[in-house]
Structures are given as C-alpha cells and as structure tokens.
Amino acid sequence: MLKYVDLLYDTFGPGDKIHGYPGHPEIELALLRLHSVTGNPKHLALGRYFLDERGNPKGVDGRHFYDWEAEQRGERLYERPASYPMRRSFWYQQAHLPIAEQKSVEGHSVRAMYLLTGAADLQRKKRCGKGLEDLRDYLKPLETLWSNMVGKKMYLTGGIGAMDQWEGFGIDYFLPQSTDEGGCYAETCAAIGVMMMAQRMLQVTSSFLFVDQY
C-alpha cells in the first residue's frame, strides 16, 4: 500500500505532475489517517494537495482538470452520465468551486461527506500544530457547509441526499417523503459519512484538543 501511495505521490501534485484529483473523494481522508500512523510528510502533502486543488478552474493549462481529463479519455462532447442533469456538472463531484469558496453542500452526498471529512481532518491536524500551521484554514467553510446541510438539506431522521437521480443533495428544503416525487433517496453510506464528518467537526471545534491519533 505504501508503494501504491508513493506512485500516486509521484503522479499527482504541483510542478510537472498531473494537476488533478479523484472524481470520487475518499483517498483524502485515507491519506490523512495514513499520515497519522506513518508521520510521512508525503502522505500529508498528497492528501492536502487533493483537497486544496479541487475545484481549481485553471488547474491544467488554464483549464478545469475534468475538462482536460475528459479530452484525454476521448469522451464525446454531448454525452453525459445518466446521473448528471447536464454536461460539466462539476458540482456533482464537489469540484465546481474550491472547497474554501463553496457556500452550500452540493452533488453526490457520499462524495460530499467523504470530501468534507477529509477537509475536517486536515483542519484537525492544523489545530494540533506540530509545525503544520501553514495548512489552509478550512474551519469557516466547513461550518458554513455543515450548517447548510443540517439546516436545509437533512431529513429529521438524519438522512441526507434526497435526490434519486444523482444520489445527492437538491435545492434547499427539497426533502420529499416518497420516491415518486423524485427524492427520498437518503443513502445509508451518506448517513455513515455524516457520522464521520460529525466526529471530525467535534474534534475541530471542541475546547478539548484531540491528539493526532485514532
């Protein structure tokens, strides 16, 4: 696994590497947990890069990474996955804006929770210090996105991701009670993601300083 991460580190990142990030966020939180075990700065740097670079509109030769990637794969211009309502729906992967600029939680709910869990973990490491004070401050955007989700896009049961079409968030207060209304999806994986994010947010905002361990 460490060799696999080394390959990813050598492939993605600043400089002459590929300025990209995954379509389905998940590796970010895994890399930060790995760093907690190994202390290897490369593991932190790669997780940090994927979080900081996401949503950069000019990441590759002045273009959005997903546009460049689609061209490399030879995707046809007017085709889209069935889950997208239109082409270039980068909000589906939370890549429409950098995380720090997002004001509402959007897109596929599981992807959103994994991504924000990773960002909260990075914020936790920043709070723990240990020479990591230069990490980007994600606290305010995390609180903004958490409040938007809990206040406007969450069922009373704690379920999130009402939209059946893209397994994710719709407009504010769109929380239908049945699937024939186009919603009520509320995937179990997303609920688990809420739990993961909530744990990290508690660690970040608590008056008690959690050490960098699990």
Protein backbone atom coordinates (compact mmCIF):
# COMPACT_ATOMS: atom_id res chain seq x y z
CA MET A 1 0.00 0.00 0.00
CA LEU A 2 2.84 2.39 0.80
CA LYS A 3 4.34 1.71 -2.64
CA TYR A 4 0.95 2.46 -4.19
CA VAL A 5 0.77 5.78 -2.34
CA ASP A 6 4.32 6.57 -3.48
CA LEU A 7 3.17 6.06 -7.08
CA LEU A 8 0.23 8.43 -6.57
CA TYR A 9 2.54 10.99 -4.96
CA ASP A 10 4.90 10.79 -7.95
CA THR A 11 1.97 11.14 -10.40
CA PHE A 12 -0.27 13.86 -8.93
CA GLY A 13 0.72 17.19 -7.48
CA PRO A 14 2.31 20.55 -8.25
CA GLY A 15 5.08 21.27 -10.72
CA ASP A 16 5.43 18.83 -13.60
CA LYS A 17 2.99 16.29 -12.12
CA ILE A 18 -0.68 15.93 -13.12
CA HIS A 19 -2.68 18.74 -11.51
CA GLY A 20 -5.66 16.54 -10.74
CA TYR A 21 -7.74 14.87 -8.06
CA PRO A 22 -10.21 11.95 -7.86
CA GLY A 23 -13.77 12.08 -9.12
CA HIS A 24 -14.97 10.26 -6.01
CA PRO A 25 -13.34 11.80 -2.91
CA GLU A 26 -12.24 9.18 -0.42
CA ILE A 27 -8.49 8.88 -0.68
CA GLU A 28 -8.10 12.26 1.02
CA LEU A 29 -9.34 11.07 4.41
CA ALA A 30 -7.43 7.80 3.95
CA LEU A 31 -4.17 9.66 3.29
CA LEU A 32 -4.61 11.83 6.37
CA ARG A 33 -5.29 8.77 8.52
CA LEU A 34 -2.24 7.11 6.99
CA HIS A 35 -0.16 10.15 7.89
CA SER A 36 -1.34 9.83 11.49
CA VAL A 37 0.19 6.35 11.52
CA THR A 38 3.36 6.85 9.49
CA GLY A 39 4.20 10.51 10.07
CA ASN A 40 5.43 10.53 6.46
CA PRO A 41 5.16 14.12 5.15
CA LYS A 42 4.44 12.81 1.64
CA HIS A 43 1.17 11.28 2.84
CA LEU A 44 0.05 14.58 4.33
CA ALA A 45 1.24 16.55 1.29
CA LEU A 46 -0.74 14.39 -1.16
CA GLY A 47 -3.94 14.50 0.89
CA ARG A 48 -3.53 18.24 1.30
CA TYR A 49 -2.94 18.70 -2.42
CA PHE A 50 -6.08 16.81 -3.42
CA LEU A 51 -8.15 18.97 -1.04
CA ASP A 52 -6.57 22.31 -1.93
CA GLU A 53 -6.53 21.75 -5.69
CA ARG A 54 -10.12 20.54 -6.01
CA GLY A 55 -12.30 22.95 -7.98
CA ASN A 56 -9.40 24.95 -9.40
CA PRO A 57 -10.86 26.31 -12.69
CA LYS A 58 -7.41 26.65 -14.28
CA GLY A 59 -5.62 23.61 -12.94
CA VAL A 60 -4.27 22.12 -16.19
CA ASP A 61 -3.06 24.51 -18.90
CA GLY A 62 -5.63 27.08 -17.81
CA ARG A 63 -8.49 24.56 -17.88
CA HIS A 64 -10.53 22.67 -15.31
CA PHE A 65 -8.95 19.29 -14.65
CA TYR A 66 -12.15 17.41 -15.51
CA ASP A 67 -12.33 19.09 -18.94
CA TRP A 68 -8.73 18.12 -19.62
CA GLU A 69 -9.31 14.59 -18.32
CA ALA A 70 -12.43 14.11 -20.46
CA GLU A 71 -10.43 15.11 -23.52
CA GLN A 72 -7.66 12.64 -22.65
CA ARG A 73 -10.23 9.86 -22.39
CA GLY A 74 -11.80 10.79 -25.72
CA GLU A 75 -15.23 11.50 -24.26
CA ARG A 76 -17.72 12.77 -26.79
CA LEU A 77 -18.76 16.35 -26.28
CA TYR A 78 -22.52 15.94 -25.96
CA GLU A 79 -22.71 12.80 -23.87
CA ARG A 80 -23.06 12.70 -20.09
CA PRO A 81 -23.50 10.09 -17.36
CA ALA A 82 -27.14 9.36 -16.54
CA SER A 83 -26.74 10.86 -13.06
CA TYR A 84 -25.84 14.32 -14.40
CA PRO A 85 -28.62 16.74 -15.37
CA MET A 86 -26.30 18.39 -17.91
CA ARG A 87 -22.72 18.40 -19.17
CA ARG A 88 -19.95 19.66 -16.91
CA SER A 89 -21.99 19.29 -13.73
CA PHE A 90 -18.86 19.55 -11.66
CA TRP A 91 -20.90 20.23 -8.54
CA TYR A 92 -21.80 16.53 -8.66
CA GLN A 93 -18.21 15.81 -7.55
CA GLN A 94 -17.93 18.99 -5.41
CA ALA A 95 -15.45 20.37 -7.96
CA HIS A 96 -17.42 23.40 -9.20
CA LEU A 97 -15.51 25.68 -6.82
CA PRO A 98 -12.58 25.30 -4.44
CA ILE A 99 -13.82 23.95 -1.10
CA ALA A 100 -12.99 27.22 0.67
CA GLU A 101 -15.36 29.10 -1.69
CA GLN A 102 -18.36 26.77 -1.53
CA LYS A 103 -21.41 28.18 0.26
CA SER A 104 -23.82 25.23 0.05
CA VAL A 105 -23.35 21.49 0.09
CA GLU A 106 -23.93 20.08 -3.40
CA GLY A 107 -23.86 16.95 -5.52
CA HIS A 108 -23.46 13.30 -4.64
CA SER A 109 -23.96 13.09 -0.88
CA VAL A 110 -21.47 10.30 -0.14
CA ARG A 111 -18.74 12.05 -2.11
CA ALA A 112 -19.50 15.29 -0.29
CA MET A 113 -19.26 13.69 3.15
CA TYR A 114 -16.01 11.88 2.39
CA LEU A 115 -14.50 15.07 0.98
CA LEU A 116 -15.56 17.24 3.92
CA THR A 117 -14.43 14.60 6.39
CA GLY A 118 -11.00 14.84 4.80
CA ALA A 119 -11.05 18.63 4.99
CA ALA A 120 -12.08 18.48 8.66
CA ASP A 121 -9.27 16.03 9.32
CA LEU A 122 -6.80 18.44 7.72
CA GLN A 123 -8.19 21.22 9.92
CA ARG A 124 -7.74 18.99 12.96
CA LYS A 125 -4.09 18.48 12.07
CA LYS A 126 -3.67 22.23 11.70
CA ARG A 127 -5.15 22.73 15.16
CA CYS A 128 -2.84 20.11 16.64
CA GLY A 129 0.09 22.20 15.43
CA LYS A 130 3.36 20.26 15.26
CA GLY A 131 4.69 22.58 12.55
CA LEU A 132 1.56 22.30 10.40
CA GLU A 133 0.30 25.84 10.97
CA ASP A 134 0.75 26.67 7.27
CA LEU A 135 -2.13 24.34 6.31
CA ARG A 136 -5.10 26.12 4.74
CA ASP A 137 -7.79 27.11 7.24
CA TYR A 138 -10.96 25.20 6.36
CA LEU A 139 -12.86 25.88 9.59
CA LYS A 140 -15.24 28.59 8.33
CA PRO A 141 -16.18 26.85 5.04
CA LEU A 142 -16.69 23.60 6.93
CA GLU A 143 -19.01 25.31 9.40
CA THR A 144 -20.87 27.00 6.53
CA LEU A 145 -21.39 23.74 4.63
CA TRP A 146 -22.31 21.82 7.78
CA SER A 147 -24.92 24.44 8.74
CA ASN A 148 -26.35 24.47 5.22
CA MET A 149 -26.69 20.68 5.24
CA VAL A 150 -28.16 20.32 8.72
CA GLY A 151 -30.46 23.33 8.46
CA LYS A 152 -31.73 22.99 4.89
CA LYS A 153 -30.89 19.61 3.35
CA MET A 154 -31.27 16.96 6.05
CA TYR A 155 -34.28 14.84 6.96
CA LEU A 156 -35.46 14.74 10.57
CA THR A 157 -34.09 11.19 10.68
CA GLY A 158 -30.61 12.49 9.88
CA GLY A 159 -30.73 11.20 6.29
CA ILE A 160 -29.15 13.29 3.54
CA GLY A 161 -29.15 13.22 -0.24
CA ALA A 162 -32.81 13.42 -1.21
CA MET A 163 -32.30 13.39 -5.00
CA ASP A 164 -32.72 9.95 -6.53
CA GLN A 165 -31.21 10.93 -9.91
CA TRP A 166 -27.75 11.76 -8.59
CA GLU A 167 -27.96 10.18 -5.12
CA GLY A 168 -27.37 13.52 -3.55
CA PHE A 169 -28.41 16.98 -2.50
CA GLY A 170 -31.10 19.03 -4.19
CA ILE A 171 -32.19 22.60 -3.63
CA ASP A 172 -32.73 23.92 -0.11
CA TYR A 173 -35.65 22.27 1.72
CA PHE A 174 -36.32 19.75 -1.07
CA LEU A 175 -36.99 16.77 1.19
CA PRO A 176 -39.81 14.72 -0.39
CA GLN A 177 -41.37 11.85 1.50
CA SER A 178 -41.56 9.33 -1.34
CA THR A 179 -39.58 8.22 -4.38
CA ASP A 180 -42.40 9.09 -6.79
CA GLU A 181 -41.64 12.73 -6.00
CA GLY A 182 -38.09 12.31 -7.31
CA GLY A 183 -36.43 12.06 -3.95
CA CYS A 184 -36.29 10.36 -0.56
CA TYR A 185 -33.07 8.56 -1.54
CA ALA A 186 -31.13 9.11 1.73
CA GLU A 187 -28.40 6.53 1.14
CA THR A 188 -27.06 4.63 4.16
CA CYS A 189 -23.46 5.30 3.08
CA ALA A 190 -24.21 9.02 3.24
CA ALA A 191 -25.52 8.69 6.80
CA ILE A 192 -22.28 6.95 7.76
CA GLY A 193 -20.43 9.81 6.08
CA VAL A 194 -22.36 12.31 8.23
CA MET A 195 -21.23 10.42 11.32
CA MET A 196 -17.61 10.56 10.15
CA MET A 197 -17.76 14.27 9.41
CA ALA A 198 -19.56 14.98 12.70
CA GLN A 199 -16.80 13.23 14.63
CA ARG A 200 -14.10 15.32 12.94
CA MET A 201 -16.10 18.54 13.40
CA LEU A 202 -16.42 17.75 17.11
CA GLN A 203 -12.68 17.27 17.32
CA VAL A 204 -12.03 20.53 15.47
CA THR A 205 -14.44 22.71 17.43
CA SER A 206 -14.24 21.16 20.89
CA SER A 207 -12.47 23.09 23.64
CA PHE A 208 -10.55 19.88 24.33
CA LEU A 209 -7.61 19.44 21.98
CA PHE A 210 -7.67 15.96 20.47
CA VAL A 211 -4.26 14.50 19.73
CA ASP A 212 -3.39 13.32 16.24
CA GLN A 213 -4.39 9.72 16.86
CA TYR A 214 -7.43 7.46 16.40
